[in-house]
Protein backbone atom coordinates (compact mmCIF):
# COMPACT_ATOMS: atom_id res chain seq x y z
CA UNK A 1 -48.05 -12.66 -11.58
CA UNK A 2 -49.67 -9.27 -11.30
CA UNK A 3 -48.98 -6.17 -13.32
CA UNK A 4 -50.52 -2.73 -13.52
CA UNK A 5 -51.49 -1.55 -16.98
CA UNK A 6 -52.03 1.96 -18.27
CA UNK A 7 -53.66 3.04 -21.49
CA UNK A 8 -51.72 5.55 -23.59
CA UNK A 9 -52.98 7.15 -26.79
CA UNK A 10 -51.04 8.87 -29.57
CA UNK A 11 -50.77 9.82 -33.21
CA UNK A 12 -49.67 7.10 -35.59
CA UNK A 13 -48.02 7.64 -38.96
CA UNK A 14 -45.04 6.01 -40.69
CA UNK A 15 -42.84 6.15 -43.76
CA UNK A 16 -40.83 3.38 -45.36
CA UNK A 17 -37.03 3.09 -45.37
CA UNK A 18 -34.67 0.15 -45.32
CA UNK A 19 -32.92 -0.27 -41.97
CA UNK A 20 -33.08 3.46 -41.38
CA UNK A 21 -34.81 5.57 -38.74
CA UNK A 22 -38.31 6.64 -39.72
CA UNK A 23 -37.11 10.07 -38.64
CA UNK A 24 -33.94 11.26 -40.32
CA UNK A 25 -32.57 12.28 -36.93
CA UNK A 26 -32.99 10.90 -33.39
CA UNK A 27 -35.38 12.56 -30.96
CA UNK A 28 -34.47 13.56 -27.42
CA UNK A 29 -36.68 13.07 -24.37
CA UNK A 30 -35.95 15.50 -21.54
CA UNK A 31 -37.76 13.31 -19.01
CA UNK A 32 -35.59 10.22 -19.57
CA UNK A 33 -32.37 11.88 -20.71
CA UNK A 34 -32.25 9.54 -23.72
CA UNK A 35 -32.38 9.78 -27.50
CA UNK A 36 -34.64 7.44 -29.50
CA UNK A 37 -34.95 6.16 -33.06
CA UNK A 38 -37.53 3.94 -34.73
CA UNK A 39 -35.87 1.56 -37.18
CA UNK A 40 -37.69 0.00 -40.15
CA UNK A 41 -35.95 -3.21 -41.18
CA UNK A 42 -37.89 -3.88 -44.38
CA UNK A 43 -35.37 -4.58 -47.14
CA UNK A 44 -35.98 -3.33 -50.65
CA UNK A 45 -38.41 -5.61 -52.44
CA UNK A 46 -39.91 -7.34 -49.43
CA UNK A 47 -38.57 -9.39 -46.56
CA UNK A 48 -40.02 -10.93 -43.44
CA UNK A 49 -38.58 -8.80 -40.65
CA UNK A 50 -36.25 -9.80 -37.85
CA UNK A 51 -36.35 -11.62 -34.55
CA UNK A 52 -36.17 -9.77 -31.24
CA UNK A 53 -32.66 -11.07 -30.53
CA UNK A 54 -31.51 -9.80 -33.94
CA UNK A 55 -33.03 -6.40 -33.21
CA UNK A 56 -31.26 -6.39 -29.85
CA UNK A 57 -27.87 -6.98 -31.52
CA UNK A 58 -28.47 -4.35 -34.20
CA UNK A 59 -29.50 -1.79 -31.59
CA UNK A 60 -26.25 -2.39 -29.71
CA UNK A 61 -24.24 -1.67 -32.86
CA UNK A 62 -25.68 1.84 -33.16
CA UNK A 63 -23.81 4.66 -31.42
CA UNK A 64 -24.71 8.26 -30.60
CA UNK A 65 -22.30 10.55 -28.79
CA UNK A 66 -20.13 7.60 -27.85
CA UNK A 67 -23.08 5.80 -26.22
CA UNK A 68 -24.19 2.44 -27.56
CA UNK A 69 -27.84 1.92 -28.33
CA UNK A 70 -30.17 -0.63 -26.80
CA UNK A 71 -33.76 -1.67 -27.33
CA UNK A 72 -35.84 1.00 -25.63
CA UNK A 73 -36.94 0.78 -22.01
CA UNK A 74 -40.54 1.94 -21.51
CA UNK A 75 -41.03 2.17 -17.78
CA UNK A 76 -43.79 4.78 -17.54
CA UNK A 77 -46.81 5.93 -19.57
CA UNK A 78 -45.29 9.32 -20.42
CA UNK A 79 -42.35 7.63 -22.15
CA UNK A 80 -44.65 5.34 -24.11
CA UNK A 81 -46.86 8.21 -25.24
CA UNK A 82 -43.78 10.28 -26.16
CA UNK A 83 -42.50 7.46 -28.37
CA UNK A 84 -45.87 6.78 -30.01
CA UNK A 85 -46.50 10.45 -30.76
CA UNK A 86 -43.02 11.19 -32.08
CA UNK A 87 -41.88 7.94 -33.71
CA UNK A 88 -45.34 6.93 -34.94
CA UNK A 89 -45.02 3.18 -35.47
CA UNK A 90 -47.94 1.61 -37.34
CA UNK A 91 -47.28 -2.10 -36.85
CA UNK A 92 -45.81 -4.44 -34.26
CA UNK A 93 -42.60 -3.01 -32.78
CA UNK A 94 -39.90 -4.62 -30.64
CA UNK A 95 -38.64 -2.91 -27.48
CA UNK A 96 -36.44 -3.89 -24.55
CA UNK A 97 -38.60 -6.21 -22.44
CA UNK A 98 -38.78 -10.01 -22.39
CA UNK A 99 -40.08 -12.93 -20.36
CA UNK A 100 -37.16 -14.88 -18.90
CA UNK A 101 -37.85 -18.62 -18.67
CA UNK A 102 -35.00 -19.14 -16.20
CA UNK A 103 -36.52 -16.82 -13.59
CA UNK A 104 -40.15 -17.09 -14.77
CA UNK A 105 -40.42 -13.31 -14.76
CA UNK A 106 -40.33 -10.29 -17.05
CA UNK A 107 -37.00 -8.50 -17.28
CA UNK A 108 -35.69 -5.42 -19.06
CA UNK A 109 -32.57 -5.67 -21.18
CA UNK A 110 -30.65 -3.77 -18.50
CA UNK A 111 -31.38 -6.89 -16.37
CA UNK A 112 -33.78 -5.11 -14.04
CA UNK A 113 -36.99 -7.03 -13.28
CA UNK A 114 -40.49 -5.83 -14.07
CA UNK A 115 -41.93 -5.99 -10.59
CA UNK A 116 -45.59 -6.27 -9.57
CA UNK A 117 -47.07 -2.78 -9.62
CA UNK A 118 -44.62 -1.46 -12.24
CA UNK A 119 -45.99 0.18 -15.38
CA UNK A 120 -46.83 -2.44 -18.00
CA UNK A 121 -49.24 -1.78 -20.86
CA UNK A 122 -50.30 -5.41 -21.32
CA UNK A 123 -53.88 -6.44 -21.97
CA UNK A 124 -54.51 -8.62 -18.89
CA UNK A 125 -56.76 -10.95 -20.89
CA UNK A 126 -54.66 -11.17 -24.06
CA UNK A 127 -50.98 -10.48 -23.37
CA UNK A 128 -49.74 -13.85 -24.70
CA UNK A 129 -50.36 -13.53 -28.42
CA UNK A 130 -51.03 -15.95 -31.26
CA UNK A 131 -51.34 -19.05 -29.07
CA UNK A 132 -47.73 -18.82 -27.95
CA UNK A 133 -46.75 -21.50 -25.44
CA UNK A 134 -44.52 -19.76 -22.94
CA UNK A 135 -41.11 -21.45 -22.50
CA UNK A 136 -41.89 -24.14 -25.03
CA UNK A 137 -39.28 -26.93 -24.59
CA UNK A 138 -39.10 -27.26 -28.38
CA UNK A 139 -37.17 -23.97 -28.50
CA UNK A 140 -33.62 -23.51 -27.26
CA UNK A 141 -34.32 -19.82 -26.65
CA UNK A 142 -35.23 -18.88 -23.10
CA UNK A 143 -36.33 -15.28 -23.71
CA UNK A 144 -39.82 -14.54 -25.01
CA UNK A 145 -39.91 -10.92 -26.24
CA UNK A 146 -42.47 -8.20 -25.69
CA UNK A 147 -43.70 -5.91 -28.44
CA UNK A 148 -46.07 -3.00 -28.94
CA UNK A 149 -49.03 -4.22 -31.00
CA UNK A 150 -49.72 -1.12 -33.07
CA UNK A 151 -51.96 -2.93 -35.56
CA UNK A 152 -54.43 -4.27 -32.99
CA UNK A 153 -54.95 -2.48 -29.69
CA UNK A 154 -51.80 -0.34 -29.24
CA UNK A 155 -50.87 -2.37 -26.17
CA UNK A 156 -48.07 -4.79 -25.32
CA UNK A 157 -47.99 -8.47 -26.10
CA UNK A 158 -45.53 -11.36 -25.85
CA UNK A 159 -44.46 -13.47 -28.82
CA UNK A 160 -42.35 -16.54 -29.45
CA UNK A 161 -38.58 -16.16 -29.89
CA UNK A 162 -38.75 -16.88 -33.63
CA UNK A 163 -41.40 -14.25 -34.45
CA UNK A 164 -40.41 -11.67 -37.08
CA UNK A 165 -41.33 -7.98 -37.01
CA UNK A 166 -40.06 -5.06 -39.10
CA UNK A 167 -39.79 -2.32 -36.49
CA UNK A 168 -37.73 -1.79 -33.36
CA UNK A 169 -37.06 1.21 -31.12
CA UNK A 170 -33.47 2.09 -30.23
CA UNK A 171 -32.66 4.11 -27.11
CA UNK A 172 -29.37 5.92 -26.49
CA UNK A 173 -29.15 6.50 -22.70
CA UNK A 174 -26.84 9.50 -22.91
CA UNK A 175 -28.02 11.04 -19.64
CA UNK A 176 -28.47 14.41 -21.32
CA UNK A 177 -28.19 16.16 -24.65
CA UNK A 178 -25.09 15.41 -26.71
CA UNK A 179 -23.26 18.55 -27.77
CA UNK A 180 -23.29 18.90 -31.54
CA UNK A 181 -25.68 16.01 -32.11
CA UNK A 182 -28.35 16.54 -34.73
CA UNK A 183 -31.85 15.77 -33.53
CA UNK A 184 -35.40 16.02 -34.80
CA UNK A 185 -37.88 18.33 -33.14
CA UNK A 186 -39.90 16.31 -30.65
CA UNK A 187 -43.49 16.98 -29.65
CA UNK A 188 -44.08 17.30 -25.92
CA UNK A 189 -46.76 15.14 -24.33
CA UNK A 190 -49.14 15.90 -21.44
CA UNK A 191 -48.98 14.32 -18.02
CA UNK A 192 -50.98 11.09 -17.89
CA UNK A 193 -53.20 10.01 -15.04
CA UNK A 194 -52.53 6.34 -14.39
CA UNK A 195 -55.57 4.09 -14.20
CA UNK A 196 -55.01 0.63 -12.84
CA UNK A 197 -56.74 -1.99 -14.94
CA UNK A 198 -57.76 -5.44 -13.70
CA UNK A 199 -54.46 -7.17 -12.97
CA UNK A 200 -53.50 -10.49 -14.51
CA UNK A 201 -52.16 -13.41 -12.56
């Protein structure tokens, strides 16, 4: 399996809130036509985070302008840089990509496949993290989620279905600005030249 990877850099800063956006208002991305929020799931007094499937369900319960949320799709380097610069996650963060054991391929939560040559910010030599055995028969789950590893190399990795993280990014695919919706001021990001890294099999 071969994927292109692109490095994206950004500014990283975070605040703490329980199950609330790190920004008080969503941000809007002109390029994608979507709003985004970074959610911090840490409960008061501690906690261990939530699984990817739990984050997926919580994202779907959020609504903006009549549009249900979803875990964010990051299909190009500009979108990834926009999210890193504006949402500023500082630790591992769930988004809307997973490895599907049934098809033996990566898929987005809108059911579109991640095809060879598509943007994917994996480290070709270290994309399967923490000795995870892909599609381990011990687990009933058949989806192995991807995350942005903000604490290590700022790139994507894949974890087991029971892994817990605090942060997840919600996308509202509104297709344009929502009239009357409050939003935070977003920083624009420059165009990124894509550099193909050694592809992984």
